Amino acid sequence: MAVVSEREKLYAIFWVAVAILQVIIGCGIIPFFIVTGLIYLGVAALNFWSAYQSFIFARRILFDPTGIIGRYEKITPFAVTLAYNLLIFILGIIEGGGAFLIVVGLLATAVSILDILLRSFVLQNRAEFEQLENAHSAGQDSP
């Protein structure tokens, strides 16, 4: 549980860093490529939201481990995050934005993959996490 919490916090920090870079890019290219700039700003907002969710979850599971499996069970949120960050990577290449845009897109894609690897870790250790959740639930049900 502590491992998941620490990784969530670390990945949240990565998401904040990536989102800040995406905001800088979005603001910088809006005068030249309005739609692309808005896409960068939109994806940055989504990545800030992901970071916020991860910080909250990382803190909560240390005290209440229920819902760990539920968070990682569905692949859809992870796939969607990977997709919109891949879009940024591809836009950086298509727009000919240079190395900085491509590197930021690559970083965002890498953090998305780290999230998927964390999901895989939790699901591979499903029995242990279910045991933690059940023990916590049983402890709350006791008088």
N, C-alpha and C. Protein backbone atom coordinates (compact mmCIF):
# COMPACT_ATOMS: atom_id res chain seq x y z
N MET A 1 0.83 -1.19 0.00
CA MET A 1 0.00 0.00 0.00
C MET A 1 0.87 1.25 0.00
N ALA A 2 1.92 1.26 0.81
CA ALA A 2 2.81 2.41 0.85
C ALA A 2 3.52 2.59 -0.49
N VAL A 3 3.83 1.48 -1.15
CA VAL A 3 4.49 1.54 -2.45
C VAL A 3 3.58 2.25 -3.45
N VAL A 4 2.32 1.87 -3.46
CA VAL A 4 1.36 2.49 -4.38
C VAL A 4 1.20 3.97 -4.06
N SER A 5 1.11 4.30 -2.79
CA SER A 5 0.97 5.70 -2.38
C SER A 5 2.18 6.52 -2.84
N GLU A 6 3.37 6.00 -2.62
CA GLU A 6 4.59 6.72 -3.01
C GLU A 6 4.67 6.89 -4.52
N ARG A 7 4.33 5.84 -5.25
CA ARG A 7 4.36 5.95 -6.72
C ARG A 7 3.32 6.94 -7.21
N GLU A 8 2.14 6.92 -6.62
CA GLU A 8 1.10 7.88 -7.01
C GLU A 8 1.58 9.31 -6.78
N LYS A 9 2.22 9.56 -5.64
CA LYS A 9 2.73 10.90 -5.35
C LYS A 9 3.81 11.30 -6.35
N LEU A 10 4.72 10.38 -6.64
CA LEU A 10 5.79 10.66 -7.59
C LEU A 10 5.23 10.95 -8.97
N TYR A 11 4.30 10.13 -9.41
CA TYR A 11 3.71 10.33 -10.74
C TYR A 11 2.89 11.63 -10.78
N ALA A 12 2.28 11.99 -9.67
CA ALA A 12 1.55 13.26 -9.61
C ALA A 12 2.50 14.43 -9.80
N ILE A 13 3.67 14.34 -9.20
CA ILE A 13 4.69 15.39 -9.39
C ILE A 13 5.11 15.44 -10.86
N PHE A 14 5.30 14.27 -11.47
CA PHE A 14 5.62 14.23 -12.90
C PHE A 14 4.52 14.89 -13.72
N TRP A 15 3.24 14.60 -13.38
CA TRP A 15 2.11 15.18 -14.12
C TRP A 15 2.10 16.70 -13.99
N VAL A 16 2.39 17.20 -12.81
CA VAL A 16 2.42 18.66 -12.62
C VAL A 16 3.52 19.26 -13.49
N ALA A 17 4.69 18.66 -13.50
CA ALA A 17 5.80 19.17 -14.31
C ALA A 17 5.44 19.16 -15.80
N VAL A 18 4.87 18.06 -16.26
CA VAL A 18 4.48 17.96 -17.67
C VAL A 18 3.41 19.00 -17.99
N ALA A 19 2.42 19.15 -17.11
CA ALA A 19 1.34 20.10 -17.35
C ALA A 19 1.87 21.54 -17.41
N ILE A 20 2.81 21.87 -16.55
CA ILE A 20 3.40 23.22 -16.57
C ILE A 20 4.09 23.46 -17.92
N LEU A 21 4.84 22.47 -18.38
CA LEU A 21 5.50 22.61 -19.68
C LEU A 21 4.46 22.74 -20.80
N GLN A 22 3.36 22.00 -20.69
CA GLN A 22 2.32 22.09 -21.71
C GLN A 22 1.64 23.46 -21.69
N VAL A 23 1.47 24.06 -20.53
CA VAL A 23 0.91 25.40 -20.44
C VAL A 23 1.85 26.41 -21.09
N ILE A 24 3.13 26.28 -20.81
CA ILE A 24 4.12 27.18 -21.42
C ILE A 24 4.07 27.06 -22.94
N ILE A 25 4.02 25.83 -23.43
CA ILE A 25 3.95 25.62 -24.88
C ILE A 25 2.64 26.18 -25.44
N GLY A 26 1.53 25.83 -24.78
CA GLY A 26 0.24 26.30 -25.26
C GLY A 26 0.15 27.80 -25.36
N CYS A 27 0.61 28.48 -24.32
CA CYS A 27 0.58 29.95 -24.32
C CYS A 27 1.53 30.53 -25.37
N GLY A 28 2.64 29.84 -25.56
CA GLY A 28 3.63 30.33 -26.52
C GLY A 28 3.23 30.18 -27.97
N ILE A 29 2.45 29.14 -28.27
CA ILE A 29 2.12 28.92 -29.68
C ILE A 29 0.73 29.39 -30.08
N ILE A 30 -0.08 29.80 -29.10
CA ILE A 30 -1.43 30.29 -29.45
C ILE A 30 -1.40 31.40 -30.50
N PRO A 31 -0.48 32.37 -30.41
CA PRO A 31 -0.49 33.42 -31.44
C PRO A 31 -0.26 32.89 -32.86
N PHE A 32 0.38 31.73 -32.98
CA PHE A 32 0.72 31.20 -34.29
C PHE A 32 -0.18 30.05 -34.72
N PHE A 33 -0.52 29.20 -33.76
CA PHE A 33 -1.37 28.03 -34.03
C PHE A 33 -2.43 27.97 -32.94
N ILE A 34 -3.54 28.67 -33.17
CA ILE A 34 -4.57 28.81 -32.13
C ILE A 34 -5.10 27.46 -31.67
N VAL A 35 -5.51 26.62 -32.61
CA VAL A 35 -6.11 25.33 -32.25
C VAL A 35 -5.11 24.45 -31.51
N THR A 36 -3.90 24.37 -32.01
CA THR A 36 -2.88 23.55 -31.35
C THR A 36 -2.58 24.09 -29.95
N GLY A 37 -2.50 25.39 -29.82
CA GLY A 37 -2.27 25.99 -28.50
C GLY A 37 -3.38 25.65 -27.53
N LEU A 38 -4.61 25.72 -28.00
CA LEU A 38 -5.75 25.37 -27.14
C LEU A 38 -5.75 23.89 -26.79
N ILE A 39 -5.33 23.05 -27.72
CA ILE A 39 -5.22 21.61 -27.42
C ILE A 39 -4.19 21.39 -26.32
N TYR A 40 -3.05 22.06 -26.43
CA TYR A 40 -2.02 21.93 -25.38
C TYR A 40 -2.56 22.38 -24.02
N LEU A 41 -3.28 23.49 -24.01
CA LEU A 41 -3.83 24.00 -22.75
C LEU A 41 -4.89 23.05 -22.19
N GLY A 42 -5.70 22.48 -23.07
CA GLY A 42 -6.72 21.52 -22.62
C GLY A 42 -6.09 20.27 -22.03
N VAL A 43 -5.08 19.75 -22.71
CA VAL A 43 -4.39 18.56 -22.20
C VAL A 43 -3.66 18.88 -20.90
N ALA A 44 -3.10 20.07 -20.80
CA ALA A 44 -2.44 20.48 -19.56
C ALA A 44 -3.45 20.49 -18.41
N ALA A 45 -4.65 21.00 -18.66
CA ALA A 45 -5.69 21.02 -17.63
C ALA A 45 -6.04 19.59 -17.20
N LEU A 46 -6.17 18.70 -18.15
CA LEU A 46 -6.45 17.29 -17.83
C LEU A 46 -5.32 16.68 -17.02
N ASN A 47 -4.09 17.02 -17.34
CA ASN A 47 -2.95 16.48 -16.61
C ASN A 47 -2.84 17.07 -15.20
N PHE A 48 -3.20 18.34 -15.05
CA PHE A 48 -3.27 18.92 -13.69
C PHE A 48 -4.33 18.18 -12.87
N TRP A 49 -5.46 17.89 -13.49
CA TRP A 49 -6.53 17.16 -12.81
C TRP A 49 -6.05 15.77 -12.41
N SER A 50 -5.32 15.09 -13.30
CA SER A 50 -4.77 13.76 -12.98
C SER A 50 -3.83 13.84 -11.78
N ALA A 51 -3.00 14.87 -11.77
CA ALA A 51 -2.07 15.05 -10.65
C ALA A 51 -2.83 15.26 -9.35
N TYR A 52 -3.83 16.10 -9.38
CA TYR A 52 -4.64 16.37 -8.19
C TYR A 52 -5.28 15.08 -7.67
N GLN A 53 -5.89 14.32 -8.59
CA GLN A 53 -6.53 13.06 -8.21
C GLN A 53 -5.52 12.10 -7.60
N SER A 54 -4.32 12.04 -8.18
CA SER A 54 -3.29 11.15 -7.66
C SER A 54 -2.82 11.56 -6.27
N PHE A 55 -2.64 12.86 -6.04
CA PHE A 55 -2.24 13.34 -4.71
C PHE A 55 -3.29 12.97 -3.66
N ILE A 56 -4.55 13.19 -3.98
CA ILE A 56 -5.64 12.87 -3.06
C ILE A 56 -5.68 11.37 -2.78
N PHE A 57 -5.60 10.58 -3.83
CA PHE A 57 -5.66 9.12 -3.68
C PHE A 57 -4.46 8.61 -2.88
N ALA A 58 -3.28 9.12 -3.17
CA ALA A 58 -2.07 8.69 -2.47
C ALA A 58 -2.17 8.92 -0.97
N ARG A 59 -2.74 10.04 -0.59
CA ARG A 59 -2.90 10.35 0.83
C ARG A 59 -3.98 9.47 1.46
N ARG A 60 -5.11 9.31 0.76
CA ARG A 60 -6.25 8.58 1.31
C ARG A 60 -5.94 7.12 1.56
N ILE A 61 -5.23 6.46 0.63
CA ILE A 61 -5.04 5.01 0.79
C ILE A 61 -4.14 4.65 1.96
N LEU A 62 -3.38 5.61 2.47
CA LEU A 62 -2.57 5.32 3.65
C LEU A 62 -3.43 5.12 4.88
N PHE A 63 -4.61 5.75 4.89
CA PHE A 63 -5.52 5.65 6.03
C PHE A 63 -6.73 4.78 5.74
N ASP A 64 -7.09 4.70 4.47
CA ASP A 64 -8.27 3.95 4.05
C ASP A 64 -7.96 3.22 2.74
N PRO A 65 -7.49 1.99 2.83
CA PRO A 65 -7.06 1.28 1.61
C PRO A 65 -8.20 0.74 0.75
N THR A 66 -9.44 1.03 1.10
CA THR A 66 -10.54 0.55 0.27
C THR A 66 -10.56 1.31 -1.06
N GLY A 67 -10.86 0.60 -2.11
CA GLY A 67 -10.96 1.22 -3.43
C GLY A 67 -9.70 1.17 -4.25
N ILE A 68 -8.64 0.57 -3.74
CA ILE A 68 -7.39 0.50 -4.50
C ILE A 68 -7.62 -0.31 -5.77
N ILE A 69 -8.19 -1.50 -5.63
CA ILE A 69 -8.44 -2.35 -6.80
C ILE A 69 -9.40 -1.64 -7.75
N GLY A 70 -10.43 -1.02 -7.20
CA GLY A 70 -11.41 -0.34 -8.04
C GLY A 70 -10.80 0.76 -8.90
N ARG A 71 -9.83 1.46 -8.37
CA ARG A 71 -9.17 2.54 -9.13
C ARG A 71 -8.42 2.00 -10.34
N TYR A 72 -7.82 0.84 -10.19
CA TYR A 72 -6.94 0.32 -11.24
C TYR A 72 -7.58 -0.74 -12.13
N GLU A 73 -8.77 -1.18 -11.77
CA GLU A 73 -9.39 -2.29 -12.48
C GLU A 73 -9.69 -1.97 -13.94
N LYS A 74 -10.23 -0.81 -14.20
CA LYS A 74 -10.61 -0.45 -15.57
C LYS A 74 -9.42 0.18 -16.29
N ILE A 75 -9.18 -0.26 -17.51
CA ILE A 75 -8.08 0.26 -18.32
C ILE A 75 -8.45 1.58 -18.99
N THR A 76 -9.74 1.84 -19.17
CA THR A 76 -10.19 2.99 -19.95
C THR A 76 -9.57 4.32 -19.51
N PRO A 77 -9.59 4.69 -18.23
CA PRO A 77 -9.00 5.99 -17.87
C PRO A 77 -7.51 6.09 -18.22
N PHE A 78 -6.81 4.99 -18.08
CA PHE A 78 -5.38 4.98 -18.39
C PHE A 78 -5.15 5.08 -19.89
N ALA A 79 -5.98 4.38 -20.67
CA ALA A 79 -5.86 4.41 -22.12
C ALA A 79 -6.21 5.79 -22.67
N VAL A 80 -7.22 6.43 -22.10
CA VAL A 80 -7.61 7.76 -22.55
C VAL A 80 -6.50 8.77 -22.25
N THR A 81 -5.92 8.68 -21.07
CA THR A 81 -4.82 9.58 -20.71
C THR A 81 -3.63 9.37 -21.66
N LEU A 82 -3.32 8.12 -21.94
CA LEU A 82 -2.25 7.83 -22.89
C LEU A 82 -2.58 8.40 -24.25
N ALA A 83 -3.82 8.27 -24.69
CA ALA A 83 -4.23 8.74 -26.02
C ALA A 83 -4.07 10.25 -26.16
N TYR A 84 -4.57 11.03 -25.19
CA TYR A 84 -4.47 12.48 -25.37
C TYR A 84 -3.04 12.99 -25.19
N ASN A 85 -2.23 12.27 -24.44
CA ASN A 85 -0.83 12.67 -24.35
C ASN A 85 -0.04 12.23 -25.57
N LEU A 86 -0.43 11.13 -26.19
CA LEU A 86 0.16 10.74 -27.47
C LEU A 86 -0.19 11.77 -28.54
N LEU A 87 -1.39 12.31 -28.46
CA LEU A 87 -1.81 13.35 -29.39
C LEU A 87 -0.85 14.54 -29.32
N ILE A 88 -0.47 14.92 -28.12
CA ILE A 88 0.48 16.02 -27.95
C ILE A 88 1.82 15.68 -28.60
N PHE A 89 2.27 14.47 -28.41
CA PHE A 89 3.53 14.01 -29.01
C PHE A 89 3.44 14.09 -30.54
N ILE A 90 2.34 13.57 -31.09
CA ILE A 90 2.16 13.57 -32.55
C ILE A 90 2.02 14.99 -33.08
N LEU A 91 1.29 15.85 -32.35
CA LEU A 91 1.17 17.25 -32.77
C LEU A 91 2.53 17.94 -32.81
N GLY A 92 3.37 17.62 -31.84
CA GLY A 92 4.71 18.20 -31.82
C GLY A 92 5.50 17.83 -33.06
N ILE A 93 5.32 16.60 -33.53
CA ILE A 93 6.02 16.15 -34.73
C ILE A 93 5.40 16.78 -35.98
N ILE A 94 4.06 16.72 -36.08
CA ILE A 94 3.36 17.24 -37.26
C ILE A 94 3.57 18.74 -37.44
N GLU A 95 3.45 19.47 -36.35
CA GLU A 95 3.58 20.93 -36.41
C GLU A 95 5.02 21.36 -36.66
N GLY A 96 5.94 20.42 -36.58
CA GLY A 96 7.34 20.79 -36.76
C GLY A 96 7.80 21.74 -35.68
N GLY A 97 7.27 21.50 -34.47
CA GLY A 97 7.52 22.41 -33.36
C GLY A 97 8.91 22.33 -32.78
N GLY A 98 9.68 21.42 -33.23
CA GLY A 98 11.04 21.33 -32.72
C GLY A 98 11.17 20.34 -31.58
N ALA A 99 12.37 20.23 -31.12
CA ALA A 99 12.72 19.22 -30.12
C ALA A 99 11.96 19.41 -28.81
N PHE A 100 11.76 20.65 -28.39
CA PHE A 100 11.11 20.90 -27.10
C PHE A 100 9.69 20.34 -27.07
N LEU A 101 8.91 20.61 -28.12
CA LEU A 101 7.55 20.10 -28.19
C LEU A 101 7.53 18.58 -28.23
N ILE A 102 8.44 18.01 -28.97
CA ILE A 102 8.50 16.55 -29.08
C ILE A 102 8.90 15.92 -27.76
N VAL A 103 9.87 16.52 -27.08
CA VAL A 103 10.33 15.99 -25.79
C VAL A 103 9.22 16.07 -24.75
N VAL A 104 8.48 17.18 -24.72
CA VAL A 104 7.38 17.31 -23.76
C VAL A 104 6.30 16.26 -24.07
N GLY A 105 6.00 16.07 -25.33
CA GLY A 105 5.04 15.03 -25.71
C GLY A 105 5.51 13.65 -25.33
N LEU A 106 6.79 13.42 -25.50
CA LEU A 106 7.38 12.13 -25.12
C LEU A 106 7.34 11.94 -23.61
N LEU A 107 7.62 12.98 -22.85
CA LEU A 107 7.56 12.91 -21.39
C LEU A 107 6.14 12.59 -20.93
N ALA A 108 5.16 13.26 -21.53
CA ALA A 108 3.76 13.01 -21.16
C ALA A 108 3.37 11.57 -21.47
N THR A 109 3.81 11.08 -22.60
CA THR A 109 3.53 9.69 -22.97
C THR A 109 4.21 8.73 -21.99
N ALA A 110 5.43 9.04 -21.60
CA ALA A 110 6.16 8.19 -20.66
C ALA A 110 5.47 8.13 -19.30
N VAL A 111 4.97 9.26 -18.81
CA VAL A 111 4.28 9.27 -17.53
C VAL A 111 2.98 8.47 -17.63
N SER A 112 2.31 8.56 -18.79
CA SER A 112 1.10 7.74 -19.00
C SER A 112 1.44 6.26 -18.91
N ILE A 113 2.56 5.89 -19.47
CA ILE A 113 2.99 4.48 -19.43
C ILE A 113 3.34 4.07 -18.00
N LEU A 114 3.96 4.98 -17.23
CA LEU A 114 4.24 4.68 -15.82
C LEU A 114 2.95 4.41 -15.06
N ASP A 115 1.91 5.19 -15.34
CA ASP A 115 0.61 4.95 -14.70
C ASP A 115 0.07 3.56 -15.05
N ILE A 116 0.22 3.17 -16.31
CA ILE A 116 -0.25 1.84 -16.73
C ILE A 116 0.57 0.74 -16.06
N LEU A 117 1.86 0.97 -15.88
CA LEU A 117 2.70 -0.01 -15.18
C LEU A 117 2.30 -0.13 -13.71
N LEU A 118 1.93 0.98 -13.09
CA LEU A 118 1.46 0.93 -11.70
C LEU A 118 0.16 0.15 -11.63
N ARG A 119 -0.72 0.38 -12.59
CA ARG A 119 -1.97 -0.39 -12.66
C ARG A 119 -1.66 -1.88 -12.75
N SER A 120 -0.72 -2.24 -13.60
CA SER A 120 -0.33 -3.64 -13.76
C SER A 120 0.20 -4.22 -12.45
N PHE A 121 1.02 -3.44 -11.73
CA PHE A 121 1.55 -3.88 -10.44
C PHE A 121 0.43 -4.19 -9.46
N VAL A 122 -0.55 -3.29 -9.37
CA VAL A 122 -1.66 -3.48 -8.44
C VAL A 122 -2.46 -4.72 -8.82
N LEU A 123 -2.75 -4.87 -10.10
CA LEU A 123 -3.55 -6.02 -10.52
C LEU A 123 -2.80 -7.34 -10.37
N GLN A 124 -1.49 -7.32 -10.55
CA GLN A 124 -0.69 -8.53 -10.34
C GLN A 124 -0.66 -8.92 -8.86
N ASN A 125 -0.82 -7.95 -8.00
CA ASN A 125 -0.82 -8.20 -6.55
C ASN A 125 -2.23 -8.02 -5.98
N ARG A 126 -3.20 -8.32 -6.79
CA ARG A 126 -4.61 -8.13 -6.44
C ARG A 126 -4.98 -8.78 -5.11
N ALA A 127 -4.54 -10.01 -4.90
CA ALA A 127 -4.91 -10.75 -3.68
C ALA A 127 -4.46 -10.00 -2.42
N GLU A 128 -3.24 -9.46 -2.45
CA GLU A 128 -2.73 -8.74 -1.29
C GLU A 128 -3.53 -7.45 -1.04
N PHE A 129 -3.87 -6.75 -2.13
CA PHE A 129 -4.63 -5.51 -1.97
C PHE A 129 -6.06 -5.79 -1.53
N GLU A 130 -6.65 -6.86 -2.02
CA GLU A 130 -8.00 -7.24 -1.57
C GLU A 130 -7.97 -7.60 -0.09
N GLN A 131 -6.90 -8.28 0.33
CA GLN A 131 -6.76 -8.64 1.74
C GLN A 131 -6.67 -7.38 2.61
N LEU A 132 -5.90 -6.40 2.16
CA LEU A 132 -5.80 -5.13 2.89
C LEU A 132 -7.16 -4.43 2.98
N GLU A 133 -7.86 -4.41 1.85
CA GLU A 133 -9.18 -3.77 1.83
C GLU A 133 -10.15 -4.49 2.77
N ASN A 134 -10.15 -5.83 2.72
CA ASN A 134 -11.05 -6.61 3.57
C ASN A 134 -10.72 -6.44 5.05
N ALA A 135 -9.43 -6.43 5.37
CA ALA A 135 -9.02 -6.25 6.77
C ALA A 135 -9.44 -4.87 7.27
N HIS A 136 -9.28 -3.87 6.43
CA HIS A 136 -9.67 -2.51 6.84
C HIS A 136 -11.19 -2.43 7.02
N SER A 137 -11.93 -3.01 6.08
CA SER A 137 -13.40 -3.01 6.19
C SER A 137 -13.87 -3.75 7.43
N ALA A 138 -13.24 -4.88 7.73
CA ALA A 138 -13.61 -5.66 8.92
C ALA A 138 -13.31 -4.87 10.19
N GLY A 139 -12.21 -4.15 10.19
CA GLY A 139 -11.85 -3.33 11.35
C GLY A 139 -12.83 -2.21 11.59
N GLN A 140 -13.41 -1.67 10.53
CA GLN A 140 -14.39 -0.58 10.68
C GLN A 140 -15.73 -1.11 11.13
N ASP A 141 -16.04 -2.36 10.77
CA ASP A 141 -17.32 -2.94 11.15
C ASP A 141 -17.35 -3.37 12.62
N SER A 142 -16.17 -3.54 13.21
CA SER A 142 -16.11 -3.97 14.61
C SER A 142 -16.50 -2.82 15.52
N PRO A 143 -17.15 -3.16 16.68
CA PRO A 143 -17.53 -2.08 17.63
C PRO A 143 -16.35 -1.50 18.35
